[in-house]
mmCIF file of all heavy atoms, coordinates in Angstrom:
data_MODEL
# 
_entry.id   MODEL 
# 
loop_
_atom_site.group_PDB 
_atom_site.id 
_atom_site.type_symbol 
_atom_site.label_atom_id 
_atom_site.label_alt_id 
_atom_site.label_comp_id 
_atom_site.label_asym_id 
_atom_site.label_entity_id 
_atom_site.label_seq_id 
_atom_site.pdbx_PDB_ins_code 
_atom_site.Cartn_x 
_atom_site.Cartn_y 
_atom_site.Cartn_z 
_atom_site.occupancy 
_atom_site.B_iso_or_equiv 
_atom_site.pdbx_formal_charge 
_atom_site.auth_seq_id 
_atom_site.auth_comp_id 
_atom_site.auth_asym_id 
_atom_site.auth_atom_id 
_atom_site.pdbx_PDB_model_num 
ATOM 1   N N   . PRO A 1 1  ? -11.074 -16.348 17.810 1.00 0.00 ? 1  PRO A N   1 
ATOM 2   C CA  . PRO A 1 1  ? -12.195 -17.284 17.765 1.00 0.00 ? 1  PRO A CA  1 
ATOM 3   C C   . PRO A 1 1  ? -13.014 -17.176 19.044 1.00 0.00 ? 1  PRO A C   1 
ATOM 4   O O   . PRO A 1 1  ? -12.467 -17.030 20.138 1.00 0.00 ? 1  PRO A O   1 
ATOM 5   C CB  . PRO A 1 1  ? -11.508 -18.654 17.660 1.00 0.00 ? 1  PRO A CB  1 
ATOM 6   C CG  . PRO A 1 1  ? -10.172 -18.355 17.063 1.00 0.00 ? 1  PRO A CG  1 
ATOM 7   C CD  . PRO A 1 1  ? -9.787  -17.022 17.604 1.00 0.00 ? 1  PRO A CD  1 
ATOM 8   N N   . SER A 1 2  ? -14.308 -17.259 18.920 1.00 0.00 ? 2  SER A N   1 
ATOM 9   C CA  . SER A 1 2  ? -15.169 -17.041 20.074 1.00 0.00 ? 2  SER A CA  1 
ATOM 10  C C   . SER A 1 2  ? -15.191 -18.215 21.035 1.00 0.00 ? 2  SER A C   1 
ATOM 11  O O   . SER A 1 2  ? -15.517 -18.047 22.207 1.00 0.00 ? 2  SER A O   1 
ATOM 12  C CB  . SER A 1 2  ? -16.600 -16.759 19.594 1.00 0.00 ? 2  SER A CB  1 
ATOM 13  O OG  . SER A 1 2  ? -16.642 -15.568 18.843 1.00 0.00 ? 2  SER A OG  1 
ATOM 14  N N   . PHE A 1 3  ? -14.851 -19.431 20.565 1.00 0.00 ? 3  PHE A N   1 
ATOM 15  C CA  . PHE A 1 3  ? -15.113 -20.598 21.403 1.00 0.00 ? 3  PHE A CA  1 
ATOM 16  C C   . PHE A 1 3  ? -13.908 -21.507 21.609 1.00 0.00 ? 3  PHE A C   1 
ATOM 17  O O   . PHE A 1 3  ? -13.810 -22.163 22.622 1.00 0.00 ? 3  PHE A O   1 
ATOM 18  C CB  . PHE A 1 3  ? -16.250 -21.432 20.791 1.00 0.00 ? 3  PHE A CB  1 
ATOM 19  C CG  . PHE A 1 3  ? -17.392 -20.600 20.299 1.00 0.00 ? 3  PHE A CG  1 
ATOM 20  C CD1 . PHE A 1 3  ? -17.739 -20.582 18.967 1.00 0.00 ? 3  PHE A CD1 1 
ATOM 21  C CD2 . PHE A 1 3  ? -18.115 -19.805 21.171 1.00 0.00 ? 3  PHE A CD2 1 
ATOM 22  C CE1 . PHE A 1 3  ? -18.788 -19.803 18.506 1.00 0.00 ? 3  PHE A CE1 1 
ATOM 23  C CE2 . PHE A 1 3  ? -19.170 -19.026 20.729 1.00 0.00 ? 3  PHE A CE2 1 
ATOM 24  C CZ  . PHE A 1 3  ? -19.505 -19.020 19.385 1.00 0.00 ? 3  PHE A CZ  1 
ATOM 25  N N   . GLN A 1 4  ? -12.986 -21.624 20.679 1.00 0.00 ? 4  GLN A N   1 
ATOM 26  C CA  . GLN A 1 4  ? -11.962 -22.660 20.711 1.00 0.00 ? 4  GLN A CA  1 
ATOM 27  C C   . GLN A 1 4  ? -10.669 -22.084 20.128 1.00 0.00 ? 4  GLN A C   1 
ATOM 28  O O   . GLN A 1 4  ? -10.216 -22.487 19.077 1.00 0.00 ? 4  GLN A O   1 
ATOM 29  C CB  . GLN A 1 4  ? -12.438 -23.870 19.887 1.00 0.00 ? 4  GLN A CB  1 
ATOM 30  C CG  . GLN A 1 4  ? -11.613 -25.133 20.004 1.00 0.00 ? 4  GLN A CG  1 
ATOM 31  C CD  . GLN A 1 4  ? -12.038 -26.157 18.966 1.00 0.00 ? 4  GLN A CD  1 
ATOM 32  O OE1 . GLN A 1 4  ? -12.265 -25.835 17.809 1.00 0.00 ? 4  GLN A OE1 1 
ATOM 33  N NE2 . GLN A 1 4  ? -12.131 -27.408 19.363 1.00 0.00 ? 4  GLN A NE2 1 
ATOM 34  N N   . GLY A 1 5  ? -10.058 -21.119 20.844 1.00 0.00 ? 5  GLY A N   1 
ATOM 35  C CA  . GLY A 1 5  ? -8.962  -20.401 20.215 1.00 0.00 ? 5  GLY A CA  1 
ATOM 36  C C   . GLY A 1 5  ? -7.669  -20.309 20.979 1.00 0.00 ? 5  GLY A C   1 
ATOM 37  O O   . GLY A 1 5  ? -6.715  -19.718 20.477 1.00 0.00 ? 5  GLY A O   1 
ATOM 38  N N   . LEU A 1 6  ? -7.560  -20.865 22.188 1.00 0.00 ? 6  LEU A N   1 
ATOM 39  C CA  . LEU A 1 6  ? -6.343  -20.760 22.990 1.00 0.00 ? 6  LEU A CA  1 
ATOM 40  C C   . LEU A 1 6  ? -5.972  -22.149 23.499 1.00 0.00 ? 6  LEU A C   1 
ATOM 41  O O   . LEU A 1 6  ? -6.818  -22.850 24.067 1.00 0.00 ? 6  LEU A O   1 
ATOM 42  C CB  . LEU A 1 6  ? -6.558  -19.813 24.169 1.00 0.00 ? 6  LEU A CB  1 
ATOM 43  C CG  . LEU A 1 6  ? -5.346  -19.557 25.063 1.00 0.00 ? 6  LEU A CG  1 
ATOM 44  C CD1 . LEU A 1 6  ? -4.268  -18.781 24.320 1.00 0.00 ? 6  LEU A CD1 1 
ATOM 45  C CD2 . LEU A 1 6  ? -5.763  -18.815 26.326 1.00 0.00 ? 6  LEU A CD2 1 
ATOM 46  N N   . LEU A 1 7  ? -4.689  -22.537 23.315 1.00 0.00 ? 7  LEU A N   1 
ATOM 47  C CA  . LEU A 1 7  ? -4.240  -23.879 23.683 1.00 0.00 ? 7  LEU A CA  1 
ATOM 48  C C   . LEU A 1 7  ? -2.875  -23.813 24.345 1.00 0.00 ? 7  LEU A C   1 
ATOM 49  O O   . LEU A 1 7  ? -2.079  -22.911 24.060 1.00 0.00 ? 7  LEU A O   1 
ATOM 50  C CB  . LEU A 1 7  ? -4.128  -24.767 22.440 1.00 0.00 ? 7  LEU A CB  1 
ATOM 51  C CG  . LEU A 1 7  ? -5.397  -25.064 21.658 1.00 0.00 ? 7  LEU A CG  1 
ATOM 52  C CD1 . LEU A 1 7  ? -5.047  -25.800 20.379 1.00 0.00 ? 7  LEU A CD1 1 
ATOM 53  C CD2 . LEU A 1 7  ? -6.372  -25.882 22.490 1.00 0.00 ? 7  LEU A CD2 1 
ATOM 54  N N   . PRO A 1 8  ? -2.557  -24.790 25.222 1.00 0.00 ? 8  PRO A N   1 
ATOM 55  C CA  . PRO A 1 8  ? -1.174  -24.906 25.685 1.00 0.00 ? 8  PRO A CA  1 
ATOM 56  C C   . PRO A 1 8  ? -0.270  -25.248 24.500 1.00 0.00 ? 8  PRO A C   1 
ATOM 57  O O   . PRO A 1 8  ? -0.645  -26.043 23.633 1.00 0.00 ? 8  PRO A O   1 
ATOM 58  C CB  . PRO A 1 8  ? -1.238  -26.073 26.681 1.00 0.00 ? 8  PRO A CB  1 
ATOM 59  C CG  . PRO A 1 8  ? -2.683  -26.265 26.987 1.00 0.00 ? 8  PRO A CG  1 
ATOM 60  C CD  . PRO A 1 8  ? -3.448  -25.809 25.797 1.00 0.00 ? 8  PRO A CD  1 
ATOM 61  N N   . ALA A 1 9  ? 0.898   -24.644 24.459 1.00 0.00 ? 9  ALA A N   1 
ATOM 62  C CA  . ALA A 1 9  ? 1.820   -24.859 23.348 1.00 0.00 ? 9  ALA A CA  1 
ATOM 63  C C   . ALA A 1 9  ? 2.872   -25.884 23.708 1.00 0.00 ? 9  ALA A C   1 
ATOM 64  O O   . ALA A 1 9  ? 3.226   -26.060 24.877 1.00 0.00 ? 9  ALA A O   1 
ATOM 65  C CB  . ALA A 1 9  ? 2.489   -23.538 22.946 1.00 0.00 ? 9  ALA A CB  1 
ATOM 66  N N   . THR A 1 10 ? 3.396   -26.555 22.710 1.00 0.00 ? 10 THR A N   1 
ATOM 67  C CA  . THR A 1 10 ? 4.504   -27.477 22.905 1.00 0.00 ? 10 THR A CA  1 
ATOM 68  C C   . THR A 1 10 ? 5.700   -26.707 23.454 1.00 0.00 ? 10 THR A C   1 
ATOM 69  O O   . THR A 1 10 ? 6.084   -25.680 22.917 1.00 0.00 ? 10 THR A O   1 
ATOM 70  C CB  . THR A 1 10 ? 4.881   -28.146 21.575 1.00 0.00 ? 10 THR A CB  1 
ATOM 71  O OG1 . THR A 1 10 ? 3.726   -28.813 21.047 1.00 0.00 ? 10 THR A OG1 1 
ATOM 72  C CG2 . THR A 1 10 ? 6.006   -29.135 21.761 1.00 0.00 ? 10 THR A CG2 1 
ATOM 73  N N   . GLY A 1 11 ? 6.275   -27.184 24.550 1.00 0.00 ? 11 GLY A N   1 
ATOM 74  C CA  . GLY A 1 11 ? 7.413   -26.494 25.134 1.00 0.00 ? 11 GLY A CA  1 
ATOM 75  C C   . GLY A 1 11 ? 7.047   -25.413 26.116 1.00 0.00 ? 11 GLY A C   1 
ATOM 76  O O   . GLY A 1 11 ? 7.928   -24.709 26.618 1.00 0.00 ? 11 GLY A O   1 
ATOM 77  N N   . GLY A 1 12 ? 5.755   -25.245 26.437 1.00 0.00 ? 12 GLY A N   1 
ATOM 78  C CA  . GLY A 1 12 ? 5.329   -24.235 27.390 1.00 0.00 ? 12 GLY A CA  1 
ATOM 79  C C   . GLY A 1 12 ? 4.751   -23.016 26.727 1.00 0.00 ? 12 GLY A C   1 
ATOM 80  O O   . GLY A 1 12 ? 4.943   -22.761 25.542 1.00 0.00 ? 12 GLY A O   1 
ATOM 81  N N   . GLY A 1 13 ? 4.038   -22.214 27.488 1.00 0.00 ? 13 GLY A N   1 
ATOM 82  C CA  . GLY A 1 13 ? 3.373   -21.037 26.936 1.00 0.00 ? 13 GLY A CA  1 
ATOM 83  C C   . GLY A 1 13 ? 2.081   -21.415 26.242 1.00 0.00 ? 13 GLY A C   1 
ATOM 84  O O   . GLY A 1 13 ? 1.491   -22.476 26.494 1.00 0.00 ? 13 GLY A O   1 
ATOM 85  N N   . TYR A 1 14 ? 1.646   -20.567 25.299 1.00 0.00 ? 14 TYR A N   1 
ATOM 86  C CA  . TYR A 1 14 ? 0.327   -20.716 24.700 1.00 0.00 ? 14 TYR A CA  1 
ATOM 87  C C   . TYR A 1 14 ? 0.381   -20.400 23.213 1.00 0.00 ? 14 TYR A C   1 
ATOM 88  O O   . TYR A 1 14 ? 1.239   -19.657 22.738 1.00 0.00 ? 14 TYR A O   1 
ATOM 89  C CB  . TYR A 1 14 ? -0.685  -19.775 25.375 1.00 0.00 ? 14 TYR A CB  1 
ATOM 90  C CG  . TYR A 1 14 ? -0.586  -19.799 26.873 1.00 0.00 ? 14 TYR A CG  1 
ATOM 91  C CD1 . TYR A 1 14 ? 0.072   -18.786 27.571 1.00 0.00 ? 14 TYR A CD1 1 
ATOM 92  C CD2 . TYR A 1 14 ? -1.110  -20.867 27.597 1.00 0.00 ? 14 TYR A CD2 1 
ATOM 93  C CE1 . TYR A 1 14 ? 0.195   -18.829 28.950 1.00 0.00 ? 14 TYR A CE1 1 
ATOM 94  C CE2 . TYR A 1 14 ? -0.989  -20.915 28.978 1.00 0.00 ? 14 TYR A CE2 1 
ATOM 95  C CZ  . TYR A 1 14 ? -0.338  -19.894 29.645 1.00 0.00 ? 14 TYR A CZ  1 
ATOM 96  O OH  . TYR A 1 14 ? -0.208  -19.951 31.012 1.00 0.00 ? 14 TYR A OH  1 
ATOM 97  N N   . ALA A 1 15 ? -0.580  -20.984 22.485 1.00 0.00 ? 15 ALA A N   1 
ATOM 98  C CA  . ALA A 1 15 ? -0.818  -20.648 21.081 1.00 0.00 ? 15 ALA A CA  1 
ATOM 99  C C   . ALA A 1 15 ? -2.259  -20.167 20.963 1.00 0.00 ? 15 ALA A C   1 
ATOM 100 O O   . ALA A 1 15 ? -3.160  -20.732 21.596 1.00 0.00 ? 15 ALA A O   1 
ATOM 101 C CB  . ALA A 1 15 ? -0.570  -21.846 20.183 1.00 0.00 ? 15 ALA A CB  1 
ATOM 102 N N   . MET A 1 16 ? -2.485  -19.132 20.171 1.00 0.00 ? 16 MET A N   1 
ATOM 103 C CA  . MET A 1 16 ? -3.826  -18.560 20.034 1.00 0.00 ? 16 MET A CA  1 
ATOM 104 C C   . MET A 1 16 ? -4.109  -18.269 18.566 1.00 0.00 ? 16 MET A C   1 
ATOM 105 O O   . MET A 1 16 ? -3.316  -17.612 17.889 1.00 0.00 ? 16 MET A O   1 
ATOM 106 C CB  . MET A 1 16 ? -3.949  -17.271 20.846 1.00 0.00 ? 16 MET A CB  1 
ATOM 107 C CG  . MET A 1 16 ? -5.340  -16.641 20.792 1.00 0.00 ? 16 MET A CG  1 
ATOM 108 S SD  . MET A 1 16 ? -5.506  -15.212 21.914 1.00 0.00 ? 16 MET A SD  1 
ATOM 109 C CE  . MET A 1 16 ? -4.494  -13.983 21.054 1.00 0.00 ? 16 MET A CE  1 
ATOM 110 N N   . ALA A 1 17 ? -5.226  -18.774 18.086 1.00 0.00 ? 17 ALA A N   1 
ATOM 111 C CA  . ALA A 1 17 ? -5.677  -18.465 16.740 1.00 0.00 ? 17 ALA A CA  1 
ATOM 112 C C   . ALA A 1 17 ? -6.398  -17.133 16.735 1.00 0.00 ? 17 ALA A C   1 
ATOM 113 O O   . ALA A 1 17 ? -6.866  -16.653 17.772 1.00 0.00 ? 17 ALA A O   1 
ATOM 114 C CB  . ALA A 1 17 ? -6.586  -19.566 16.217 1.00 0.00 ? 17 ALA A CB  1 
ATOM 115 N N   . GLY A 1 18 ? -6.511  -16.530 15.569 1.00 0.00 ? 18 GLY A N   1 
ATOM 116 C CA  . GLY A 1 18 ? -7.215  -15.271 15.449 1.00 0.00 ? 18 GLY A CA  1 
ATOM 117 C C   . GLY A 1 18 ? -7.437  -14.906 13.998 1.00 0.00 ? 18 GLY A C   1 
ATOM 118 O O   . GLY A 1 18 ? -7.107  -15.669 13.086 1.00 0.00 ? 18 GLY A O   1 
ATOM 119 N N   . THR A 1 19 ? -8.002  -13.733 13.792 1.00 0.00 ? 19 THR A N   1 
ATOM 120 C CA  . THR A 1 19 ? -8.294  -13.228 12.454 1.00 0.00 ? 19 THR A CA  1 
ATOM 121 C C   . THR A 1 19 ? -7.905  -11.765 12.376 1.00 0.00 ? 19 THR A C   1 
ATOM 122 O O   . THR A 1 19 ? -8.186  -10.995 13.304 1.00 0.00 ? 19 THR A O   1 
ATOM 123 C CB  . THR A 1 19 ? -9.790  -13.383 12.137 1.00 0.00 ? 19 THR A CB  1 
ATOM 124 O OG1 . THR A 1 19 ? -10.138 -14.770 12.145 1.00 0.00 ? 19 THR A OG1 1 
ATOM 125 C CG2 . THR A 1 19 ? -10.130 -12.790 10.766 1.00 0.00 ? 19 THR A CG2 1 
ATOM 126 N N   . ALA A 1 20 ? -7.261  -11.393 11.284 1.00 0.00 ? 20 ALA A N   1 
ATOM 127 C CA  . ALA A 1 20 ? -6.969  -9.997  10.995 1.00 0.00 ? 20 ALA A CA  1 
ATOM 128 C C   . ALA A 1 20 ? -7.986  -9.487  9.985  1.00 0.00 ? 20 ALA A C   1 
ATOM 129 O O   . ALA A 1 20 ? -8.251  -10.150 8.977  1.00 0.00 ? 20 ALA A O   1 
ATOM 130 C CB  . ALA A 1 20 ? -5.558  -9.842  10.438 1.00 0.00 ? 20 ALA A CB  1 
ATOM 131 N N   . LEU A 1 21 ? -8.555  -8.314  10.246 1.00 0.00 ? 21 LEU A N   1 
ATOM 132 C CA  . LEU A 1 21 ? -9.530  -7.703  9.360  1.00 0.00 ? 21 LEU A CA  1 
ATOM 133 C C   . LEU A 1 21 ? -9.009  -6.331  8.956  1.00 0.00 ? 21 LEU A C   1 
ATOM 134 O O   . LEU A 1 21 ? -8.812  -5.458  9.801  1.00 0.00 ? 21 LEU A O   1 
ATOM 135 C CB  . LEU A 1 21 ? -10.884 -7.567  10.043 1.00 0.00 ? 21 LEU A CB  1 
ATOM 136 C CG  . LEU A 1 21 ? -12.006 -6.882  9.246  1.00 0.00 ? 21 LEU A CG  1 
ATOM 137 C CD1 . LEU A 1 21 ? -12.311 -7.660  7.982  1.00 0.00 ? 21 LEU A CD1 1 
ATOM 138 C CD2 . LEU A 1 21 ? -13.252 -6.727  10.103 1.00 0.00 ? 21 LEU A CD2 1 
ATOM 139 N N   . GLY A 1 22 ? -8.778  -6.142  7.672  1.00 0.00 ? 22 GLY A N   1 
ATOM 140 C CA  . GLY A 1 22 ? -8.268  -4.875  7.170  1.00 0.00 ? 22 GLY A CA  1 
ATOM 141 C C   . GLY A 1 22 ? -7.727  -5.057  5.770  1.00 0.00 ? 22 GLY A C   1 
ATOM 142 O O   . GLY A 1 22 ? -7.451  -6.172  5.323  1.00 0.00 ? 22 GLY A O   1 
ATOM 143 N N   . GLY A 1 23 ? -7.564  -3.956  5.066  1.00 0.00 ? 23 GLY A N   1 
ATOM 144 C CA  . GLY A 1 23 ? -7.033  -4.034  3.712  1.00 0.00 ? 23 GLY A CA  1 
ATOM 145 C C   . GLY A 1 23 ? -7.966  -4.702  2.732  1.00 0.00 ? 23 GLY A C   1 
ATOM 146 O O   . GLY A 1 23 ? -7.517  -5.293  1.741  1.00 0.00 ? 23 GLY A O   1 
ATOM 147 N N   . GLY A 1 24 ? -9.268  -4.652  2.997  1.00 0.00 ? 24 GLY A N   1 
ATOM 148 C CA  . GLY A 1 24 ? -10.234 -5.205  2.057  1.00 0.00 ? 24 GLY A CA  1 
ATOM 149 C C   . GLY A 1 24 ? -10.515 -6.680  2.225  1.00 0.00 ? 24 GLY A C   1 
ATOM 150 O O   . GLY A 1 24 ? -11.176 -7.273  1.364  1.00 0.00 ? 24 GLY A O   1 
ATOM 151 N N   . GLY A 1 25 ? -10.027 -7.306  3.293  1.00 0.00 ? 25 GLY A N   1 
ATOM 152 C CA  . GLY A 1 25 ? -10.294 -8.733  3.488  1.00 0.00 ? 25 GLY A CA  1 
ATOM 153 C C   . GLY A 1 25 ? -9.975  -9.164  4.896  1.00 0.00 ? 25 GLY A C   1 
ATOM 154 O O   . GLY A 1 25 ? -9.675  -8.352  5.776  1.00 0.00 ? 25 GLY A O   1 
ATOM 155 N N   . SER A 1 26 ? -10.041 -10.461 5.119  1.00 0.00 ? 26 SER A N   1 
ATOM 156 C CA  . SER A 1 26 ? -9.707  -11.030 6.419  1.00 0.00 ? 26 SER A CA  1 
ATOM 157 C C   . SER A 1 26 ? -8.891  -12.294 6.194  1.00 0.00 ? 26 SER A C   1 
ATOM 158 O O   . SER A 1 26 ? -9.029  -12.973 5.167  1.00 0.00 ? 26 SER A O   1 
ATOM 159 C CB  . SER A 1 26 ? -10.968 -11.333 7.227  1.00 0.00 ? 26 SER A CB  1 
ATOM 160 O OG  . SER A 1 26 ? -11.746 -12.327 6.577  1.00 0.00 ? 26 SER A OG  1 
ATOM 161 N N   . TYR A 1 27 ? -8.059  -12.646 7.187  1.00 0.00 ? 27 TYR A N   1 
ATOM 162 C CA  . TYR A 1 27 ? -7.221  -13.829 7.043  1.00 0.00 ? 27 TYR A CA  1 
ATOM 163 C C   . TYR A 1 27 ? -6.842  -14.347 8.418  1.00 0.00 ? 27 TYR A C   1 
ATOM 164 O O   . TYR A 1 27 ? -6.862  -13.620 9.420  1.00 0.00 ? 27 TYR A O   1 
ATOM 165 C CB  . TYR A 1 27 ? -5.966  -13.531 6.219  1.00 0.00 ? 27 TYR A CB  1 
ATOM 166 C CG  . TYR A 1 27 ? -5.226  -12.278 6.618  1.00 0.00 ? 27 TYR A CG  1 
ATOM 167 C CD1 . TYR A 1 27 ? -4.203  -12.313 7.561  1.00 0.00 ? 27 TYR A CD1 1 
ATOM 168 C CD2 . TYR A 1 27 ? -5.548  -11.050 6.054  1.00 0.00 ? 27 TYR A CD2 1 
ATOM 169 C CE1 . TYR A 1 27 ? -3.529  -11.164 7.936  1.00 0.00 ? 27 TYR A CE1 1 
ATOM 170 C CE2 . TYR A 1 27 ? -4.882  -9.895  6.414  1.00 0.00 ? 27 TYR A CE2 1 
ATOM 171 C CZ  . TYR A 1 27 ? -3.866  -9.962  7.355  1.00 0.00 ? 27 TYR A CZ  1 
ATOM 172 O OH  . TYR A 1 27 ? -3.204  -8.815  7.731  1.00 0.00 ? 27 TYR A OH  1 
ATOM 173 N N   . ALA A 1 28 ? -6.500  -15.632 8.469  1.00 0.00 ? 28 ALA A N   1 
ATOM 174 C CA  . ALA A 1 28 ? -6.214  -16.312 9.722  1.00 0.00 ? 28 ALA A CA  1 
ATOM 175 C C   . ALA A 1 28 ? -4.859  -15.897 10.280 1.00 0.00 ? 28 ALA A C   1 
ATOM 176 O O   . ALA A 1 28 ? -3.913  -15.589 9.532  1.00 0.00 ? 28 ALA A O   1 
ATOM 177 C CB  . ALA A 1 28 ? -6.244  -17.820 9.507  1.00 0.00 ? 28 ALA A CB  1 
# 
């Protein structure tokens, strides 16, 4: 995500959203 995609995770570390593009489509 271009604007709002990285957050502190519960228990430490990080969570990051994203998108996979391939195989004829895209998915979260």
